[in-house]
């Protein structure tokens, strides 16, 4: 996961992290990062399977900013809480059940 100059996060997958990071830094990466240079590597995971790595990439891309930051900061214990729906009606109804 890269942190861009505007504070946004970019999540991708690659088979060569150093090469891909260099491509992003040189403006040859994704459109998102090209417009937000410089970028900084803030988190990565390694997988033996490209398919599993791609699934994980898509999973993290769907996460909220708060959940991504918890992952980056190693706050794994709060990830389940950050997965819970926090919209007004759903959150209120769940609190009333407690």
PDB file of N, CA and C in Angstrom:
ATOM      1  N   UNK A   1       0.859  -1.159   0.000  1.00  0.00           N
ATOM      2  CA  UNK A   1       0.000   0.000   0.000  1.00  0.00           C
ATOM      3  C   UNK A   1       0.909   1.228   0.000  1.00  0.00           C
ATOM      4  N   UNK A   2       0.565   2.146  -0.871  1.00  0.00           N
ATOM      5  CA  UNK A   2       1.331   3.380  -0.984  1.00  0.00           C
ATOM      6  C   UNK A   2       0.531   4.533  -0.410  1.00  0.00           C
ATOM      7  N   UNK A   3       1.232   5.450   0.246  1.00  0.00           N
ATOM      8  CA  UNK A   3       0.614   6.708   0.654  1.00  0.00           C
ATOM      9  C   UNK A   3       1.062   7.757  -0.355  1.00  0.00           C
ATOM     10  N   UNK A   4       0.099   8.433  -0.931  1.00  0.00           N
ATOM     11  CA  UNK A   4       0.382   9.447  -1.948  1.00  0.00           C
ATOM     12  C   UNK A   4       0.575  10.819  -1.302  1.00  0.00           C
ATOM     13  N   UNK A   5       1.093  11.753  -2.073  1.00  0.00           N
ATOM     14  CA  UNK A   5       1.389  13.093  -1.555  1.00  0.00           C
ATOM     15  C   UNK A   5       0.157  13.819  -1.026  1.00  0.00           C
ATOM     16  N   UNK A   6      -1.034  13.458  -1.519  1.00  0.00           N
ATOM     17  CA  UNK A   6      -2.259  14.098  -1.037  1.00  0.00           C
ATOM     18  C   UNK A   6      -2.859  13.366   0.162  1.00  0.00           C
ATOM     19  N   UNK A   7      -2.148  12.339   0.670  1.00  0.00           N
ATOM     20  CA  UNK A   7      -2.629  11.593   1.829  1.00  0.00           C
ATOM     21  C   UNK A   7      -3.511  10.410   1.480  1.00  0.00           C
ATOM     22  N   UNK A   8      -3.842  10.222   0.213  1.00  0.00           N
ATOM     23  CA  UNK A   8      -4.657   9.077  -0.187  1.00  0.00           C
ATOM     24  C   UNK A   8      -3.798   7.819  -0.207  1.00  0.00           C
ATOM     25  N   UNK A   9      -4.474   6.676  -0.225  1.00  0.00           N
ATOM     26  CA  UNK A   9      -3.783   5.392  -0.268  1.00  0.00           C
ATOM     27  C   UNK A   9      -4.059   4.695  -1.600  1.00  0.00           C
ATOM     28  N   UNK A  10      -3.040   4.018  -2.092  1.00  0.00           N
ATOM     29  CA  UNK A  10      -3.160   3.211  -3.296  1.00  0.00           C
ATOM     30  C   UNK A  10      -2.790   1.784  -2.924  1.00  0.00           C
ATOM     31  N   UNK A  11      -3.645   0.840  -3.261  1.00  0.00           N
ATOM     32  CA  UNK A  11      -3.388  -0.568  -2.987  1.00  0.00           C
ATOM     33  C   UNK A  11      -3.288  -1.319  -4.305  1.00  0.00           C
ATOM     34  N   UNK A  12      -2.197  -2.047  -4.472  1.00  0.00           N
ATOM     35  CA  UNK A  12      -2.001  -2.823  -5.682  1.00  0.00           C
ATOM     36  C   UNK A  12      -1.270  -4.109  -5.362  1.00  0.00           C
ATOM     37  N   UNK A  13      -1.025  -4.888  -6.383  1.00  0.00           N
ATOM     38  CA  UNK A  13      -0.263  -6.128  -6.211  1.00  0.00           C
ATOM     39  C   UNK A  13       0.759  -6.235  -7.331  1.00  0.00           C
ATOM     40  N   UNK A  14       1.829  -6.958  -7.059  1.00  0.00           N
ATOM     41  CA  UNK A  14       2.916  -7.112  -8.020  1.00  0.00           C
ATOM     42  C   UNK A  14       3.722  -8.355  -7.686  1.00  0.00           C
ATOM     43  N   UNK A  15       4.488  -8.832  -8.643  1.00  0.00           N
ATOM     44  CA  UNK A  15       5.401  -9.932  -8.352  1.00  0.00           C
ATOM     45  C   UNK A  15       6.812  -9.420  -8.063  1.00  0.00           C
ATOM     46  N   UNK A  16       7.046  -8.114  -8.260  1.00  0.00           N
ATOM     47  CA  UNK A  16       8.355  -7.504  -7.995  1.00  0.00           C
ATOM     48  C   UNK A  16       8.131  -6.143  -7.340  1.00  0.00           C
ATOM     49  N   UNK A  17       8.130  -6.128  -6.017  1.00  0.00           N
ATOM     50  CA  UNK A  17       7.789  -4.915  -5.270  1.00  0.00           C
ATOM     51  C   UNK A  17       8.741  -3.766  -5.567  1.00  0.00           C
ATOM     52  N   UNK A  18      10.047  -4.026  -5.566  1.00  0.00           N
ATOM     53  CA  UNK A  18      11.010  -2.943  -5.807  1.00  0.00           C
ATOM     54  C   UNK A  18      10.826  -2.320  -7.191  1.00  0.00           C
ATOM     55  N   UNK A  19      10.632  -3.160  -8.191  1.00  0.00           N
ATOM     56  CA  UNK A  19      10.434  -2.659  -9.556  1.00  0.00           C
ATOM     57  C   UNK A  19       9.149  -1.845  -9.652  1.00  0.00           C
ATOM     58  N   UNK A  20       8.072  -2.351  -9.064  1.00  0.00           N
ATOM     59  CA  UNK A  20       6.785  -1.650  -9.144  1.00  0.00           C
ATOM     60  C   UNK A  20       6.826  -0.329  -8.394  1.00  0.00           C
ATOM     61  N   UNK A  21       7.473  -0.314  -7.241  1.00  0.00           N
ATOM     62  CA  UNK A  21       7.602   0.935  -6.480  1.00  0.00           C
ATOM     63  C   UNK A  21       8.381   1.962  -7.294  1.00  0.00           C
ATOM     64  N   UNK A  22       9.439   1.523  -7.945  1.00  0.00           N
ATOM     65  CA  UNK A  22      10.223   2.412  -8.802  1.00  0.00           C
ATOM     66  C   UNK A  22       9.371   2.977  -9.935  1.00  0.00           C
ATOM     67  N   UNK A  23       8.531   2.126 -10.525  1.00  0.00           N
ATOM     68  CA  UNK A  23       7.645   2.584 -11.599  1.00  0.00           C
ATOM     69  C   UNK A  23       6.688   3.660 -11.092  1.00  0.00           C
ATOM     70  N   UNK A  24       6.126   3.449  -9.910  1.00  0.00           N
ATOM     71  CA  UNK A  24       5.228   4.461  -9.343  1.00  0.00           C
ATOM     72  C   UNK A  24       5.979   5.756  -9.082  1.00  0.00           C
ATOM     73  N   UNK A  25       7.151   5.657  -8.496  1.00  0.00           N
ATOM     74  CA  UNK A  25       7.944   6.851  -8.168  1.00  0.00           C
ATOM     75  C   UNK A  25       8.347   7.633  -9.413  1.00  0.00           C
ATOM     76  N   UNK A  26       8.529   6.926 -10.530  1.00  0.00           N
ATOM     77  CA  UNK A  26       8.919   7.569 -11.790  1.00  0.00           C
ATOM     78  C   UNK A  26       7.727   8.053 -12.609  1.00  0.00           C
ATOM     79  N   UNK A  27       6.500   7.918 -12.059  1.00  0.00           N
ATOM     80  CA  UNK A  27       5.310   8.349 -12.780  1.00  0.00           C
ATOM     81  C   UNK A  27       4.831   7.354 -13.818  1.00  0.00           C
ATOM     82  N   UNK A  28       5.355   6.119 -13.769  1.00  0.00           N
ATOM     83  CA  UNK A  28       4.966   5.087 -14.730  1.00  0.00           C
ATOM     84  C   UNK A  28       4.001   4.083 -14.104  1.00  0.00           C
ATOM     85  N   UNK A  29       3.482   4.389 -12.923  1.00  0.00           N
ATOM     86  CA  UNK A  29       2.561   3.483 -12.239  1.00  0.00           C
ATOM     87  C   UNK A  29       1.126   3.781 -12.613  1.00  0.00           C
ATOM     88  N   UNK A  30       0.256   3.578 -11.683  1.00  0.00           N
ATOM     89  CA  UNK A  30      -1.171   3.794 -11.900  1.00  0.00           C
ATOM     90  C   UNK A  30      -1.488   5.282 -12.080  1.00  0.00           C
ATOM     91  N   UNK A  31      -2.577   5.558 -12.743  1.00  0.00           N
ATOM     92  CA  UNK A  31      -3.015   6.945 -12.935  1.00  0.00           C
ATOM     93  C   UNK A  31      -3.176   7.638 -11.584  1.00  0.00           C
ATOM     94  N   UNK A  32      -3.724   6.908 -10.605  1.00  0.00           N
ATOM     95  CA  UNK A  32      -3.939   7.491  -9.275  1.00  0.00           C
ATOM     96  C   UNK A  32      -2.620   8.001  -8.687  1.00  0.00           C
ATOM     97  N   UNK A  33      -1.573   7.202  -8.746  1.00  0.00           N
ATOM     98  CA  UNK A  33      -0.300   7.616  -8.142  1.00  0.00           C
ATOM     99  C   UNK A  33       0.434   8.633  -9.012  1.00  0.00           C
ATOM    100  N   UNK A  34       0.306   8.514 -10.301  1.00  0.00           N
ATOM    101  CA  UNK A  34       0.992   9.432 -11.223  1.00  0.00           C
ATOM    102  C   UNK A  34       0.621  10.885 -10.939  1.00  0.00           C
ATOM    103  N   UNK A  35      -0.630  11.102 -10.551  1.00  0.00           N
ATOM    104  CA  UNK A  35      -1.122  12.455 -10.282  1.00  0.00           C
ATOM    105  C   UNK A  35      -0.855  12.902  -8.852  1.00  0.00           C
ATOM    106  N   UNK A  36      -0.276  12.003  -8.022  1.00  0.00           N
ATOM    107  CA  UNK A  36      -0.130  12.302  -6.594  1.00  0.00           C
ATOM    108  C   UNK A  36       1.278  11.986  -6.087  1.00  0.00           C
ATOM    109  N   UNK A  37       2.270  12.268  -6.891  1.00  0.00           N
ATOM    110  CA  UNK A  37       3.660  12.017  -6.503  1.00  0.00           C
ATOM    111  C   UNK A  37       4.138  13.073  -5.518  1.00  0.00           C
ATOM    112  N   UNK A  38       5.062  12.751  -4.645  1.00  0.00           N
ATOM    113  CA  UNK A  38       5.695  11.446  -4.498  1.00  0.00           C
ATOM    114  C   UNK A  38       4.824  10.472  -3.700  1.00  0.00           C
ATOM    115  N   UNK A  39       5.192   9.197  -3.773  1.00  0.00           N
ATOM    116  CA  UNK A  39       4.501   8.153  -3.023  1.00  0.00           C
ATOM    117  C   UNK A  39       5.480   7.509  -2.050  1.00  0.00           C
ATOM    118  N   UNK A  40       4.914   6.887  -1.020  1.00  0.00           N
ATOM    119  CA  UNK A  40       5.734   6.225  -0.004  1.00  0.00           C
ATOM    120  C   UNK A  40       5.116   4.869   0.306  1.00  0.00           C
ATOM    121  N   UNK A  41       5.928   3.823   0.312  1.00  0.00           N
ATOM    122  CA  UNK A  41       5.454   2.496   0.689  1.00  0.00           C
ATOM    123  C   UNK A  41       5.191   2.486   2.194  1.00  0.00           C
ATOM    124  N   UNK A  42       3.937   2.172   2.574  1.00  0.00           N
ATOM    125  CA  UNK A  42       3.584   2.177   3.990  1.00  0.00           C
ATOM    126  C   UNK A  42       3.183   0.802   4.520  1.00  0.00           C
ATOM    127  N   UNK A  43       2.908  -0.154   3.612  1.00  0.00           N
ATOM    128  CA  UNK A  43       2.499  -1.484   4.064  1.00  0.00           C
ATOM    129  C   UNK A  43       2.589  -2.466   2.910  1.00  0.00           C
ATOM    130  N   UNK A  44       3.016  -3.689   3.223  1.00  0.00           N
ATOM    131  CA  UNK A  44       2.969  -4.745   2.210  1.00  0.00           C
ATOM    132  C   UNK A  44       2.838  -6.101   2.883  1.00  0.00           C
ATOM    133  N   UNK A  45       2.313  -7.041   2.134  1.00  0.00           N
ATOM    134  CA  UNK A  45       2.193  -8.435   2.533  1.00  0.00           C
ATOM    135  C   UNK A  45       2.743  -9.272   1.392  1.00  0.00           C
ATOM    136  N   UNK A  46       3.251 -10.454   1.716  1.00  0.00           N
ATOM    137  CA  UNK A  46       3.761 -11.358   0.694  1.00  0.00           C
ATOM    138  C   UNK A  46       2.922 -12.623   0.651  1.00  0.00           C
ATOM    139  N   UNK A  47       2.644 -13.102  -0.556  1.00  0.00           N
ATOM    140  CA  UNK A  47       1.871 -14.318  -0.773  1.00  0.00           C
ATOM    141  C   UNK A  47       2.580 -15.187  -1.796  1.00  0.00           C
ATOM    142  N   UNK A  48       2.433 -16.496  -1.669  1.00  0.00           N
ATOM    143  CA  UNK A  48       3.003 -17.440  -2.621  1.00  0.00           C
ATOM    144  C   UNK A  48       2.138 -17.563  -3.872  1.00  0.00           C
ATOM    145  N   UNK A  49       0.866 -17.202  -3.749  1.00  0.00           N
ATOM    146  CA  UNK A  49      -0.085 -17.331  -4.848  1.00  0.00           C
ATOM    147  C   UNK A  49      -0.502 -15.958  -5.362  1.00  0.00           C
ATOM    148  N   UNK A  50      -0.383 -15.752  -6.666  1.00  0.00           N
ATOM    149  CA  UNK A  50      -0.812 -14.493  -7.279  1.00  0.00           C
ATOM    150  C   UNK A  50      -2.316 -14.310  -7.097  1.00  0.00           C
ATOM    151  N   UNK A  51      -3.062 -15.388  -7.217  1.00  0.00           N
ATOM    152  CA  UNK A  51      -4.521 -15.305  -7.073  1.00  0.00           C
ATOM    153  C   UNK A  51      -4.914 -14.850  -5.673  1.00  0.00           C
ATOM    154  N   UNK A  52      -4.263 -15.372  -4.658  1.00  0.00           N
ATOM    155  CA  UNK A  52      -4.576 -14.967  -3.280  1.00  0.00           C
ATOM    156  C   UNK A  52      -4.158 -13.520  -3.045  1.00  0.00           C
ATOM    157  N   UNK A  53      -3.013 -13.129  -3.593  1.00  0.00           N
ATOM    158  CA  UNK A  53      -2.565 -11.738  -3.458  1.00  0.00           C
ATOM    159  C   UNK A  53      -3.564 -10.781  -4.099  1.00  0.00           C
ATOM    160  N   UNK A  54      -4.083 -11.145  -5.252  1.00  0.00           N
ATOM    161  CA  UNK A  54      -5.055 -10.302  -5.948  1.00  0.00           C
ATOM    162  C   UNK A  54      -6.354 -10.209  -5.153  1.00  0.00           C
ATOM    163  N   UNK A  55      -6.802 -11.323  -4.576  1.00  0.00           N
ATOM    164  CA  UNK A  55      -8.003 -11.298  -3.724  1.00  0.00           C
ATOM    165  C   UNK A  55      -7.804 -10.362  -2.536  1.00  0.00           C
ATOM    166  N   UNK A  56      -6.631 -10.434  -1.921  1.00  0.00           N
ATOM    167  CA  UNK A  56      -6.337  -9.577  -0.764  1.00  0.00           C
ATOM    168  C   UNK A  56      -6.292  -8.115  -1.192  1.00  0.00           C
ATOM    169  N   UNK A  57      -5.714  -7.841  -2.348  1.00  0.00           N
ATOM    170  CA  UNK A  57      -5.679  -6.475  -2.876  1.00  0.00           C
ATOM    171  C   UNK A  57      -7.099  -5.925  -2.989  1.00  0.00           C
ATOM    172  N   UNK A  58      -7.990  -6.685  -3.603  1.00  0.00           N
ATOM    173  CA  UNK A  58      -9.372  -6.241  -3.790  1.00  0.00           C
ATOM    174  C   UNK A  58     -10.080  -6.055  -2.449  1.00  0.00           C
ATOM    175  N   UNK A  59      -9.787  -6.932  -1.491  1.00  0.00           N
ATOM    176  CA  UNK A  59     -10.391  -6.806  -0.166  1.00  0.00           C
ATOM    177  C   UNK A  59      -9.992  -5.477   0.476  1.00  0.00           C
ATOM    178  N   UNK A  60      -8.699  -5.197   0.501  1.00  0.00           N
ATOM    179  CA  UNK A  60      -8.204  -3.971   1.141  1.00  0.00           C
ATOM    180  C   UNK A  60      -8.693  -2.731   0.405  1.00  0.00           C
ATOM    181  N   UNK A  61      -8.786  -2.795  -0.915  1.00  0.00           N
ATOM    182  CA  UNK A  61      -9.289  -1.646  -1.678  1.00  0.00           C
ATOM    183  C   UNK A  61     -10.695  -1.259  -1.245  1.00  0.00           C
ATOM    184  N   UNK A  62     -11.470  -2.206  -0.776  1.00  0.00           N
ATOM    185  CA  UNK A  62     -12.835  -1.925  -0.343  1.00  0.00           C
ATOM    186  C   UNK A  62     -12.948  -1.415   1.081  1.00  0.00           C
ATOM    187  N   UNK A  63     -11.842  -1.354   1.790  1.00  0.00           N
ATOM    188  CA  UNK A  63     -11.861  -0.929   3.184  1.00  0.00           C
ATOM    189  C   UNK A  63     -11.931   0.590   3.327  1.00  0.00           C
ATOM    190  N   UNK A  64     -12.416   1.011   4.471  1.00  0.00           N
ATOM    191  CA  UNK A  64     -12.433   2.436   4.807  1.00  0.00           C
ATOM    192  C   UNK A  64     -11.009   2.919   5.073  1.00  0.00           C
ATOM    193  N   UNK A  65     -10.845   4.213   5.041  1.00  0.00           N
ATOM    194  CA  UNK A  65      -9.541   4.814   5.358  1.00  0.00           C
ATOM    195  C   UNK A  65      -9.099   4.416   6.765  1.00  0.00           C
ATOM    196  N   UNK A  66     -10.017   4.450   7.719  1.00  0.00           N
ATOM    197  CA  UNK A  66      -9.684   4.114   9.103  1.00  0.00           C
ATOM    198  C   UNK A  66      -9.181   2.673   9.214  1.00  0.00           C
ATOM    199  N   UNK A  67      -9.818   1.781   8.495  1.00  0.00           N
ATOM    200  CA  UNK A  67      -9.415   0.377   8.551  1.00  0.00           C
ATOM    201  C   UNK A  67      -8.050   0.187   7.888  1.00  0.00           C
ATOM    202  N   UNK A  68      -7.803   0.867   6.778  1.00  0.00           N
ATOM    203  CA  UNK A  68      -6.489   0.793   6.137  1.00  0.00           C
ATOM    204  C   UNK A  68      -5.406   1.323   7.073  1.00  0.00           C
ATOM    205  N   UNK A  69      -5.689   2.405   7.771  1.00  0.00           N
ATOM    206  CA  UNK A  69      -4.697   2.985   8.675  1.00  0.00           C
ATOM    207  C   UNK A  69      -4.432   2.065   9.868  1.00  0.00           C
ATOM    208  N   UNK A  70      -5.455   1.373  10.349  1.00  0.00           N
ATOM    209  CA  UNK A  70      -5.250   0.407  11.430  1.00  0.00           C
ATOM    210  C   UNK A  70      -4.328  -0.713  10.942  1.00  0.00           C
ATOM    211  N   UNK A  71      -4.523  -1.181   9.725  1.00  0.00           N
ATOM    212  CA  UNK A  71      -3.667  -2.216   9.153  1.00  0.00           C
ATOM    213  C   UNK A  71      -2.230  -1.708   9.038  1.00  0.00           C
ATOM    214  N   UNK A  72      -2.055  -0.526   8.498  1.00  0.00           N
ATOM    215  CA  UNK A  72      -0.732   0.076   8.345  1.00  0.00           C
ATOM    216  C   UNK A  72      -0.027   0.184   9.694  1.00  0.00           C
ATOM    217  N   UNK A  73      -0.785   0.562  10.722  1.00  0.00           N
ATOM    218  CA  UNK A  73      -0.224   0.771  12.058  1.00  0.00           C
ATOM    219  C   UNK A  73      -0.121  -0.499  12.892  1.00  0.00           C
ATOM    220  N   UNK A  74      -0.508  -1.629  12.311  1.00  0.00           N
ATOM    221  CA  UNK A  74      -0.413  -2.890  13.031  1.00  0.00           C
ATOM    222  C   UNK A  74      -1.442  -3.063  14.130  1.00  0.00           C
ATOM    223  N   UNK A  75      -2.527  -2.318  14.055  1.00  0.00           N
ATOM    224  CA  UNK A  75      -3.592  -2.377  15.065  1.00  0.00           C
ATOM    225  C   UNK A  75      -4.625  -3.425  14.639  1.00  0.00           C
ATOM    226  N   UNK A  76      -4.181  -4.666  14.562  1.00  0.00           N
ATOM    227  CA  UNK A  76      -5.005  -5.747  14.033  1.00  0.00           C
ATOM    228  C   UNK A  76      -6.236  -6.032  14.890  1.00  0.00           C
ATOM    229  N   UNK A  77      -6.144  -5.754  16.178  1.00  0.00           N
ATOM    230  CA  UNK A  77      -7.263  -6.039  17.076  1.00  0.00           C
ATOM    231  C   UNK A  77      -8.483  -5.158  16.814  1.00  0.00           C
ATOM    232  N   UNK A  78      -8.307  -4.013  16.196  1.00  0.00           N
ATOM    233  CA  UNK A  78      -9.449  -3.128  15.932  1.00  0.00           C
ATOM    234  C   UNK A  78     -10.070  -3.349  14.555  1.00  0.00           C
ATOM    235  N   UNK A  79      -9.450  -4.172  13.721  1.00  0.00           N
ATOM    236  CA  UNK A  79      -9.985  -4.406  12.371  1.00  0.00           C
ATOM    237  C   UNK A  79     -11.415  -4.942  12.380  1.00  0.00           C
ATOM    238  N   UNK A  80     -11.758  -5.907  13.256  1.00  0.00           N
ATOM    239  CA  UNK A  80     -13.155  -6.376  13.264  1.00  0.00           C
ATOM    240  C   UNK A  80     -14.154  -5.278  13.620  1.00  0.00           C
ATOM    241  N   UNK A  81     -13.810  -4.424  14.557  1.00  0.00           N
ATOM    242  CA  UNK A  81     -14.694  -3.320  14.944  1.00  0.00           C
ATOM    243  C   UNK A  81     -14.889  -2.356  13.789  1.00  0.00           C
ATOM    244  N   UNK A  82     -13.818  -2.086  13.062  1.00  0.00           N
ATOM    245  CA  UNK A  82     -13.894  -1.164  11.927  1.00  0.00           C
ATOM    246  C   UNK A  82     -14.643  -1.767  10.749  1.00  0.00           C
ATOM    247  N   UNK A  83     -14.913  -3.068  10.799  1.00  0.00           N
ATOM    248  CA  UNK A  83     -15.683  -3.738   9.749  1.00  0.00           C
ATOM    249  C   UNK A  83     -17.178  -3.583   9.954  1.00  0.00           C
ATOM    250  N   UNK A  84     -17.586  -3.234  11.161  1.00  0.00           N
ATOM    251  CA  UNK A  84     -19.009  -3.109  11.460  1.00  0.00           C
ATOM    252  C   UNK A  84     -19.591  -1.885  10.787  1.00  0.00           C
ATOM    253  N   UNK A  85     -20.810  -2.017  10.346  1.00  0.00           N
ATOM    254  CA  UNK A  85     -21.504  -0.903   9.715  1.00  0.00           C
ATOM    255  C   UNK A  85     -21.701   0.224  10.725  1.00  0.00           C
ATOM    256  N   UNK A  86     -21.390   1.442  10.318  1.00  0.00           N
ATOM    257  CA  UNK A  86     -21.502   2.592  11.212  1.00  0.00           C
ATOM    258  C   UNK A  86     -22.535   3.609  10.735  1.00  0.00           C
ATOM    259  N   UNK A  87     -23.360   3.238   9.715  1.00  0.00           N
ATOM    260  CA  UNK A  87     -24.334   4.226   9.254  1.00  0.00           C
ATOM    261  C   UNK A  87     -25.411   4.407  10.316  1.00  0.00           C
ATOM    262  N   UNK A  88     -26.063   5.520  10.324  1.00  0.00           N
ATOM    263  CA  UNK A  88     -26.990   5.905  11.378  1.00  0.00           C
ATOM    264  C   UNK A  88     -28.001   4.861  11.789  1.00  0.00           C
ATOM    265  N   UNK A  89     -28.815   4.386  10.903  1.00  0.00           N
ATOM    266  CA  UNK A  89     -29.886   3.457  11.239  1.00  0.00           C
ATOM    267  C   UNK A  89     -29.347   2.116  11.693  1.00  0.00           C
ATOM    268  N   UNK A  90     -28.452   1.547  10.949  1.00  0.00           N
ATOM    269  CA  UNK A  90     -27.920   0.230  11.285  1.00  0.00           C
ATOM    270  C   UNK A  90     -27.172   0.268  12.614  1.00  0.00           C
ATOM    271  N   UNK A  91     -26.347   1.282  12.802  1.00  0.00           N
ATOM    272  CA  UNK A  91     -25.562   1.419  14.027  1.00  0.00           C
ATOM    273  C   UNK A  91     -26.486   1.582  15.230  1.00  0.00           C
ATOM    274  N   UNK A  92     -27.508   2.418  15.094  1.00  0.00           N
ATOM    275  CA  UNK A  92     -28.458   2.656  16.184  1.00  0.00           C
ATOM    276  C   UNK A  92     -29.205   1.379  16.538  1.00  0.00           C
ATOM    277  N   UNK A  93     -29.682   0.663  15.538  1.00  0.00           N
ATOM    278  CA  UNK A  93     -30.434  -0.582  15.788  1.00  0.00           C
ATOM    279  C   UNK A  93     -29.572  -1.624  16.479  1.00  0.00           C
ATOM    280  N   UNK A  94     -28.316  -1.725  16.120  1.00  0.00           N
ATOM    281  CA  UNK A  94     -27.424  -2.687  16.775  1.00  0.00           C
ATOM    282  C   UNK A  94     -27.157  -2.307  18.221  1.00  0.00           C
ATOM    283  N   UNK A  95     -27.031  -1.018  18.506  1.00  0.00           N
ATOM    284  CA  UNK A  95     -26.771  -0.560  19.875  1.00  0.00           C
ATOM    285  C   UNK A  95     -27.988  -0.826  20.762  1.00  0.00           C
ATOM    286  N   UNK A  96     -29.175  -0.712  20.204  1.00  0.00           N
ATOM    287  CA  UNK A  96     -30.401  -0.948  20.988  1.00  0.00           C
ATOM    288  C   UNK A  96     -30.554  -2.417  21.358  1.00  0.00           C
ATOM    289  N   UNK A  97     -29.986  -3.310  20.561  1.00  0.00           N
ATOM    290  CA  UNK A  97     -30.064  -4.747  20.823  1.00  0.00           C
ATOM    291  C   UNK A  97     -29.153  -5.171  21.960  1.00  0.00           C
ATOM    292  N   UNK A  98     -28.135  -4.380  22.249  1.00  0.00           N
ATOM    293  CA  UNK A  98     -27.159  -4.753  23.288  1.00  0.00           C
ATOM    294  C   UNK A  98     -27.724  -4.691  24.671  1.00  0.00           C
TER     295      UNK A  98
END
